[in-house]
Protein backbone atom coordinates (compact mmCIF):
# COMPACT_ATOMS: atom_id res chain seq x y z
CA UNK A 1 0.00 0.00 0.00
CA UNK A 2 1.37 3.46 -0.85
CA UNK A 3 1.71 5.86 2.10
CA UNK A 4 -1.64 7.29 3.09
CA UNK A 5 -2.47 10.89 2.28
CA UNK A 6 -3.36 12.91 5.39
CA UNK A 7 -5.41 16.11 5.32
CA UNK A 8 -7.32 18.33 7.70
CA UNK A 9 -11.08 17.94 7.32
CA UNK A 10 -12.94 21.19 6.66
CA UNK A 11 -15.37 22.17 9.43
CA UNK A 12 -18.28 21.69 7.04
CA UNK A 13 -17.58 17.94 6.91
CA UNK A 14 -19.26 17.80 10.33
CA UNK A 15 -22.58 18.17 8.48
CA UNK A 16 -21.97 15.07 6.34
CA UNK A 17 -23.47 12.05 8.15
CA UNK A 18 -21.47 9.67 5.96
CA UNK A 19 -18.17 11.22 7.06
CA UNK A 20 -19.20 11.52 10.72
CA UNK A 21 -20.63 8.00 10.94
CA UNK A 22 -17.66 6.55 9.05
CA UNK A 23 -15.16 8.20 11.40
CA UNK A 24 -17.20 7.17 14.44
CA UNK A 25 -17.13 3.54 13.28
CA UNK A 26 -13.41 3.73 12.47
CA UNK A 27 -12.50 5.17 15.89
CA UNK A 28 -14.69 2.71 17.78
CA UNK A 29 -13.37 -0.32 15.87
CA UNK A 30 -9.73 0.75 16.36
CA UNK A 31 -10.21 1.36 20.08
CA UNK A 32 -12.21 -1.86 20.54
CA UNK A 33 -9.36 -3.84 18.99
CA UNK A 34 -6.57 -1.93 20.76
CA UNK A 35 -8.21 -1.82 24.19
CA UNK A 36 -9.70 -5.29 24.34
CA UNK A 37 -10.15 -6.34 27.96
CA UNK A 38 -9.98 -2.83 29.41
CA UNK A 39 -13.67 -1.94 29.04
CA UNK A 40 -16.98 -3.61 29.80
CA UNK A 41 -19.01 -5.15 26.99
CA UNK A 42 -20.87 -2.63 24.87
CA UNK A 43 -18.55 0.30 25.59
CA UNK A 44 -17.93 2.73 22.71
CA UNK A 45 -15.16 5.32 22.55
CA UNK A 46 -17.11 8.05 20.75
CA UNK A 47 -20.58 8.87 19.47
CA UNK A 48 -21.32 10.79 16.26
CA UNK A 49 -22.01 14.09 18.08
CA UNK A 50 -18.49 14.00 19.58
CA UNK A 51 -16.91 13.33 16.19
CA UNK A 52 -18.91 16.14 14.57
CA UNK A 53 -17.80 18.52 17.34
CA UNK A 54 -14.16 17.51 16.81
CA UNK A 55 -14.47 18.20 13.08
CA UNK A 56 -16.13 21.59 13.70
CA UNK A 57 -13.32 22.54 16.10
CA UNK A 58 -10.91 22.47 13.16
CA UNK A 59 -8.45 19.80 14.19
CA UNK A 60 -9.65 16.49 12.70
CA UNK A 61 -7.04 14.91 10.44
CA UNK A 62 -7.93 11.98 8.20
CA UNK A 63 -5.66 9.50 6.45
CA UNK A 64 -6.85 8.12 3.14
CA UNK A 65 -5.72 5.18 1.07
CA UNK A 66 -7.15 6.15 -2.28
CA UNK A 67 -10.64 7.45 -1.50
CA UNK A 68 -11.08 5.30 1.63
CA UNK A 69 -10.53 6.83 5.07
CA UNK A 70 -8.19 4.46 6.94
CA UNK A 71 -7.23 6.60 9.93
CA UNK A 72 -7.80 9.79 11.87
CA UNK A 73 -6.57 11.90 14.74
CA UNK A 74 -7.71 15.07 16.47
CA UNK A 75 -5.40 17.97 17.27
CA UNK A 76 -6.74 20.33 19.92
CA UNK A 77 -5.11 23.10 21.93
CA UNK A 78 -4.50 22.52 25.64
CA UNK A 79 -2.92 25.90 26.35
CA UNK A 80 -0.97 28.55 24.44
CA UNK A 81 2.08 26.32 24.06
CA UNK A 82 0.73 22.76 24.02
CA UNK A 83 -1.72 20.80 21.90
CA UNK A 84 -3.05 17.31 22.40
CA UNK A 85 -3.24 14.61 19.77
CA UNK A 86 -6.18 12.36 20.55
CA UNK A 87 -8.54 9.90 18.89
CA UNK A 88 -5.56 8.53 16.96
CA UNK A 89 -7.08 5.61 15.10
CA UNK A 90 -6.10 3.39 12.23
CA UNK A 91 -8.34 0.82 10.63
CA UNK A 92 -7.14 -2.44 12.21
CA UNK A 93 -6.81 -3.90 8.69
CA UNK A 94 -4.15 -1.21 8.05
CA UNK A 95 -2.16 -1.54 11.28
CA UNK A 96 1.53 -1.57 10.45
CA UNK A 97 0.99 0.12 7.06
CA UNK A 98 2.20 3.60 8.07
CA UNK A 99 -1.20 5.14 8.79
CA UNK A 100 -0.37 6.08 12.38
CA UNK A 101 3.04 7.46 11.48
CA UNK A 102 1.53 9.60 8.70
CA UNK A 103 -1.13 10.91 11.11
CA UNK A 104 1.42 11.80 13.81
CA UNK A 105 3.70 13.49 11.27
CA UNK A 106 0.77 15.54 9.88
CA UNK A 107 -0.38 16.47 13.40
CA UNK A 108 3.14 17.63 14.31
CA UNK A 109 3.34 19.70 11.12
CA UNK A 110 -0.09 21.24 11.74
CA UNK A 111 0.81 22.02 15.36
CA UNK A 112 4.07 23.68 14.26
CA UNK A 113 2.14 25.78 11.74
CA UNK A 114 -0.06 26.93 14.63
CA UNK A 115 3.02 27.91 16.70
CA UNK A 116 2.53 25.08 19.20
CA UNK A 117 5.71 24.26 21.14
CA UNK A 118 4.82 20.75 22.38
CA UNK A 119 2.46 17.93 21.52
CA UNK A 120 0.90 15.68 24.16
CA UNK A 121 -0.60 12.18 23.90
CA UNK A 122 -2.42 10.15 26.54
CA UNK A 123 -2.20 6.35 26.57
CA UNK A 124 -4.65 4.33 28.65
CA UNK A 125 -2.89 1.37 30.30
CA UNK A 126 -4.05 -1.21 32.83
CA UNK A 127 -2.62 -1.12 36.34
CA UNK A 128 -0.89 -4.28 37.49
CA UNK A 129 -0.55 -6.05 34.14
CA UNK A 130 0.75 -5.41 30.63
CA UNK A 131 -1.68 -5.13 27.73
CA UNK A 132 0.15 -6.23 24.55
CA UNK A 133 -1.37 -3.56 22.27
CA UNK A 134 -0.70 -0.83 24.82
CA UNK A 135 2.86 -2.05 25.26
CA UNK A 136 3.30 -1.93 21.46
CA UNK A 137 1.91 1.63 21.35
CA UNK A 138 4.13 2.77 24.20
CA UNK A 139 7.22 1.53 22.36
CA UNK A 140 5.99 3.17 19.15
CA UNK A 141 5.46 6.55 20.85
CA UNK A 142 8.99 6.25 22.27
CA UNK A 143 10.40 5.61 18.78
CA UNK A 144 8.58 8.73 17.53
CA UNK A 145 10.30 10.83 20.20
CA UNK A 146 7.48 11.08 22.75
CA UNK A 147 8.45 10.67 26.40
CA UNK A 148 6.30 9.84 29.42
CA UNK A 149 6.17 12.98 31.54
CA UNK A 150 3.76 11.68 34.15
CA UNK A 151 1.20 9.06 35.08
CA UNK A 152 -2.34 10.35 35.56
CA UNK A 153 -5.06 8.60 37.56
CA UNK A 154 -7.96 7.50 35.36
CA UNK A 155 -10.41 9.78 37.17
CA UNK A 156 -8.27 12.83 36.42
CA UNK A 157 -8.59 12.35 32.66
CA UNK A 158 -11.88 10.52 32.09
CA UNK A 159 -13.89 10.32 35.32
CA UNK A 160 -17.13 10.17 33.30
CA UNK A 161 -16.16 6.73 31.93
CA UNK A 162 -14.85 5.11 35.11
CA UNK A 163 -17.91 2.90 35.55
CA UNK A 164 -17.23 1.34 32.13
CA UNK A 165 -13.76 0.03 33.01
CA UNK A 166 -13.36 -3.74 33.24
CA UNK A 167 -10.01 -3.43 35.03
CA UNK A 168 -8.22 -0.64 36.94
CA UNK A 169 -6.42 1.70 34.53
CA UNK A 170 -4.36 4.86 34.44
CA UNK A 171 -3.01 7.16 31.75
CA UNK A 172 0.56 7.61 30.66
CA UNK A 173 0.97 11.21 29.52
CA UNK A 174 3.52 11.57 26.72
CA UNK A 175 5.00 14.82 25.47
CA UNK A 176 7.28 15.84 22.63
CA UNK A 177 8.89 19.21 22.02
CA UNK A 178 8.11 20.30 18.48
CA UNK A 179 11.52 21.93 18.35
CA UNK A 180 12.76 18.34 17.93
CA UNK A 181 13.07 17.03 14.38
CA UNK A 182 9.85 15.69 12.81
CA UNK A 183 8.98 12.03 13.33
CA UNK A 184 10.82 9.78 10.81
């Protein structure tokens, strides 16, 4: 597969149910596969209204292979110097095909163009045991130059979802200075 093309969705795409529903399904399938065993049955990561709001906010990146959307990520400001990259999702059928790397690279470029000094990522991990997909993601973030700057209790980041956890979890908060060279 050729490298995916990544672009920022225009805010008006939030009014297209096909785009919103497609991204919602993509995000939920990627998180269901990558967080298996962390959540109770029936849990979903996002609903269409949340995806539409993310698009309207002007930070939803999509990766396409041809005309098909195969990944996405949301860039949103945290403060004047830091932005967060969240909802990073790749179609599980395209894991290992460069979708995630292309999304991170595009998010870093977009953040730099917005004069953001650092990019932050949160990674949900179980407490007391190692989840293989989370361990793989942690190593991948390290290779991209992101470093764990702290561990955050689950309730600090996502208290609203605590009742849906199947096992105790916490967040690893990663950060990368955008003065560093772009991700390879």
